[in-house]
Amino acid sequence: QVQLVESGGGLVQPGGSLRLSCAASGCTFSDVNMGWYRQDPGKGREFVALSEYLVTTLYSDSAKGRFTISRDNATNTLYLQMNNLKPADTAIYYCNVLPYWGQGTQVTVSS
């Protein structure tokens, strides 16, 4: 059973930074693709970033240049460093290893 536990969300002012973490268990972390998605109430779940097990990373257009996805295979942890945050980034952020999802962590960007 794969379990994913996100943390690191919170309230931040526009222009600020947050680092999200996702602790994974129940899978061979180094062999799987892992991603971050987000969902605003009333909207569908949106792709943010992907870390492929062969090192490649992919980003949504809104995340490029501001967010960085990384992984630590030694600790089975996925990260999302988010810089220059905007109010439009407000959402619940979810960690994903198909077909599993974490419970999400709330990010609120507001002055």
C-alpha atoms as a PDB file:
ATOM      1  CA  GLN A   1       0.000   0.000   0.000  1.00  0.00           C
ATOM      2  CA  VAL A   2       1.498   3.278  -1.120  1.00  0.00           C
ATOM      3  CA  GLN A   3       1.122   6.133   1.326  1.00  0.00           C
ATOM      4  CA  LEU A   4       1.874   9.763   0.544  1.00  0.00           C
ATOM      5  CA  VAL A   5       1.937  12.463   3.211  1.00  0.00           C
ATOM      6  CA  GLU A   6       2.305  16.095   2.214  1.00  0.00           C
ATOM      7  CA  SER A   7       3.440  18.912   4.481  1.00  0.00           C
ATOM      8  CA  GLY A   8       4.793  22.444   4.287  1.00  0.00           C
ATOM      9  CA  GLY A   9       1.731  24.384   3.209  1.00  0.00           C
ATOM     10  CA  GLY A  10       0.626  27.579   4.863  1.00  0.00           C
ATOM     11  CA  LEU A  11      -0.182  31.253   4.472  1.00  0.00           C
ATOM     12  CA  VAL A  12       2.362  33.393   2.646  1.00  0.00           C
ATOM     13  CA  GLN A  13       2.367  36.889   1.203  1.00  0.00           C
ATOM     14  CA  PRO A  14       2.619  37.478  -2.552  1.00  0.00           C
ATOM     15  CA  GLY A  15       6.247  37.188  -3.615  1.00  0.00           C
ATOM     16  CA  GLY A  16       7.033  34.809  -0.787  1.00  0.00           C
ATOM     17  CA  SER A  17       8.269  31.222  -0.854  1.00  0.00           C
ATOM     18  CA  LEU A  18       7.231  27.848   0.491  1.00  0.00           C
ATOM     19  CA  ARG A  19       8.702  24.383   0.256  1.00  0.00           C
ATOM     20  CA  LEU A  20       6.299  21.466   0.156  1.00  0.00           C
ATOM     21  CA  SER A  21       7.346  17.964   1.107  1.00  0.00           C
ATOM     22  CA  CYS A  22       5.825  14.590   0.327  1.00  0.00           C
ATOM     23  CA  ALA A  23       6.938  11.565   2.325  1.00  0.00           C
ATOM     24  CA  ALA A  24       6.338   8.335   0.419  1.00  0.00           C
ATOM     25  CA  SER A  25       6.180   4.775   1.671  1.00  0.00           C
ATOM     26  CA  GLY A  26       5.151   1.441   0.237  1.00  0.00           C
ATOM     27  CA  CYS A  27       6.872   1.840  -3.119  1.00  0.00           C
ATOM     28  CA  THR A  28      10.359   1.727  -4.571  1.00  0.00           C
ATOM     29  CA  PHE A  29      10.720   5.471  -4.640  1.00  0.00           C
ATOM     30  CA  SER A  30      13.608   5.621  -7.067  1.00  0.00           C
ATOM     31  CA  ASP A  31      11.691   3.629  -9.712  1.00  0.00           C
ATOM     32  CA  VAL A  32       8.552   5.746  -9.985  1.00  0.00           C
ATOM     33  CA  ASN A  33       7.456   9.027 -11.466  1.00  0.00           C
ATOM     34  CA  MET A  34       6.142  11.434  -8.868  1.00  0.00           C
ATOM     35  CA  GLY A  35       4.216  14.615  -9.362  1.00  0.00           C
ATOM     36  CA  TRP A  36       2.584  17.600  -7.767  1.00  0.00           C
ATOM     37  CA  TYR A  37      -0.924  18.716  -8.628  1.00  0.00           C
ATOM     38  CA  ARG A  38      -3.141  21.387  -7.178  1.00  0.00           C
ATOM     39  CA  GLN A  39      -6.839  22.050  -6.886  1.00  0.00           C
ATOM     40  CA  ASP A  40      -8.726  25.230  -6.167  1.00  0.00           C
ATOM     41  CA  PRO A  41     -12.288  24.805  -4.827  1.00  0.00           C
ATOM     42  CA  GLY A  42     -14.693  24.696  -7.741  1.00  0.00           C
ATOM     43  CA  LYS A  43     -11.989  23.778 -10.259  1.00  0.00           C
ATOM     44  CA  GLY A  44     -10.464  20.560 -11.511  1.00  0.00           C
ATOM     45  CA  ARG A  45      -7.149  19.172 -10.357  1.00  0.00           C
ATOM     46  CA  GLU A  46      -4.303  20.819 -12.244  1.00  0.00           C
ATOM     47  CA  PHE A  47      -0.844  19.478 -13.076  1.00  0.00           C
ATOM     48  CA  VAL A  48       2.021  21.446 -11.531  1.00  0.00           C
ATOM     49  CA  ALA A  49       5.252  19.469 -11.862  1.00  0.00           C
ATOM     50  CA  LEU A  50       6.584  15.973 -12.482  1.00  0.00           C
ATOM     51  CA  SER A  51       9.775  14.253 -11.431  1.00  0.00           C
ATOM     52  CA  GLU A  52      10.470  11.246 -13.631  1.00  0.00           C
ATOM     53  CA  TYR A  53      12.520   8.466 -12.096  1.00  0.00           C
ATOM     54  CA  LEU A  54      15.083   8.925 -14.870  1.00  0.00           C
ATOM     55  CA  VAL A  55      15.790  12.468 -13.637  1.00  0.00           C
ATOM     56  CA  THR A  56      13.683  14.398 -16.174  1.00  0.00           C
ATOM     57  CA  THR A  57      11.440  17.097 -14.746  1.00  0.00           C
ATOM     58  CA  LEU A  58       8.383  18.705 -16.317  1.00  0.00           C
ATOM     59  CA  TYR A  59       6.482  21.821 -15.304  1.00  0.00           C
ATOM     60  CA  SER A  60       3.222  23.505 -16.109  1.00  0.00           C
ATOM     61  CA  ASP A  61       3.519  26.868 -17.811  1.00  0.00           C
ATOM     62  CA  SER A  62       2.437  28.594 -14.602  1.00  0.00           C
ATOM     63  CA  ALA A  63       5.136  26.819 -12.580  1.00  0.00           C
ATOM     64  CA  LYS A  64       8.071  27.259 -14.973  1.00  0.00           C
ATOM     65  CA  GLY A  65      10.725  29.594 -13.658  1.00  0.00           C
ATOM     66  CA  ARG A  66       9.180  29.826 -10.179  1.00  0.00           C
ATOM     67  CA  PHE A  67       8.788  26.257  -8.895  1.00  0.00           C
ATOM     68  CA  THR A  68      11.396  23.526  -8.620  1.00  0.00           C
ATOM     69  CA  ILE A  69      10.567  19.856  -8.104  1.00  0.00           C
ATOM     70  CA  SER A  70      13.201  17.613  -6.573  1.00  0.00           C
ATOM     71  CA  ARG A  71      13.448  14.265  -4.873  1.00  0.00           C
ATOM     72  CA  ASP A  72      15.606  12.600  -2.278  1.00  0.00           C
ATOM     73  CA  ASN A  73      15.657   8.886  -3.020  1.00  0.00           C
ATOM     74  CA  ALA A  74      17.537   8.179   0.206  1.00  0.00           C
ATOM     75  CA  THR A  75      14.661   9.489   2.356  1.00  0.00           C
ATOM     76  CA  ASN A  76      11.779   8.768  -0.076  1.00  0.00           C
ATOM     77  CA  THR A  77      10.809  12.417  -0.093  1.00  0.00           C
ATOM     78  CA  LEU A  78       9.552  14.587  -2.929  1.00  0.00           C
ATOM     79  CA  TYR A  79       9.833  18.363  -2.694  1.00  0.00           C
ATOM     80  CA  LEU A  80       8.330  21.369  -4.407  1.00  0.00           C
ATOM     81  CA  GLN A  81      10.162  24.651  -3.870  1.00  0.00           C
ATOM     82  CA  MET A  82       7.825  27.491  -4.734  1.00  0.00           C
ATOM     83  CA  ASN A  83       9.193  31.007  -5.156  1.00  0.00           C
ATOM     84  CA  ASN A  84       7.590  34.319  -6.120  1.00  0.00           C
ATOM     85  CA  LEU A  85       4.190  33.005  -5.116  1.00  0.00           C
ATOM     86  CA  LYS A  86       1.077  34.674  -6.472  1.00  0.00           C
ATOM     87  CA  PRO A  87      -2.529  34.718  -5.239  1.00  0.00           C
ATOM     88  CA  ALA A  88      -3.382  32.511  -8.235  1.00  0.00           C
ATOM     89  CA  ASP A  89      -1.189  29.790  -6.675  1.00  0.00           C
ATOM     90  CA  THR A  90      -3.664  29.434  -3.805  1.00  0.00           C
ATOM     91  CA  ALA A  91      -4.888  25.837  -3.805  1.00  0.00           C
ATOM     92  CA  ILE A  92      -4.621  22.486  -2.105  1.00  0.00           C
ATOM     93  CA  TYR A  93      -1.431  20.826  -3.330  1.00  0.00           C
ATOM     94  CA  TYR A  94      -1.358  17.056  -3.770  1.00  0.00           C
ATOM     95  CA  CYS A  95       1.484  14.617  -4.193  1.00  0.00           C
ATOM     96  CA  ASN A  96       0.909  11.852  -6.738  1.00  0.00           C
ATOM     97  CA  VAL A  97       2.292   8.427  -7.568  1.00  0.00           C
ATOM     98  CA  LEU A  98      -0.202   6.944  -9.958  1.00  0.00           C
ATOM     99  CA  PRO A  99      -2.788   5.855  -8.979  1.00  0.00           C
ATOM    100  CA  TYR A 100      -2.224   7.095  -5.424  1.00  0.00           C
ATOM    101  CA  TRP A 101      -2.761  10.550  -3.943  1.00  0.00           C
ATOM    102  CA  GLY A 102      -1.831  12.172  -0.673  1.00  0.00           C
ATOM    103  CA  GLN A 103      -4.319  14.057   1.478  1.00  0.00           C
ATOM    104  CA  GLY A 104      -3.102  17.446   0.286  1.00  0.00           C
ATOM    105  CA  THR A 105      -1.638  20.529   1.928  1.00  0.00           C
ATOM    106  CA  GLN A 106      -3.232  23.967   1.732  1.00  0.00           C
ATOM    107  CA  VAL A 107      -1.267  26.845   0.242  1.00  0.00           C
ATOM    108  CA  THR A 108      -2.752  30.315   0.605  1.00  0.00           C
ATOM    109  CA  VAL A 109      -1.090  33.343  -0.968  1.00  0.00           C
ATOM    110  CA  SER A 110      -2.576  36.541   0.341  1.00  0.00           C
ATOM    111  CA  SER A 111      -1.582  39.898   1.752  1.00  0.00           C
END
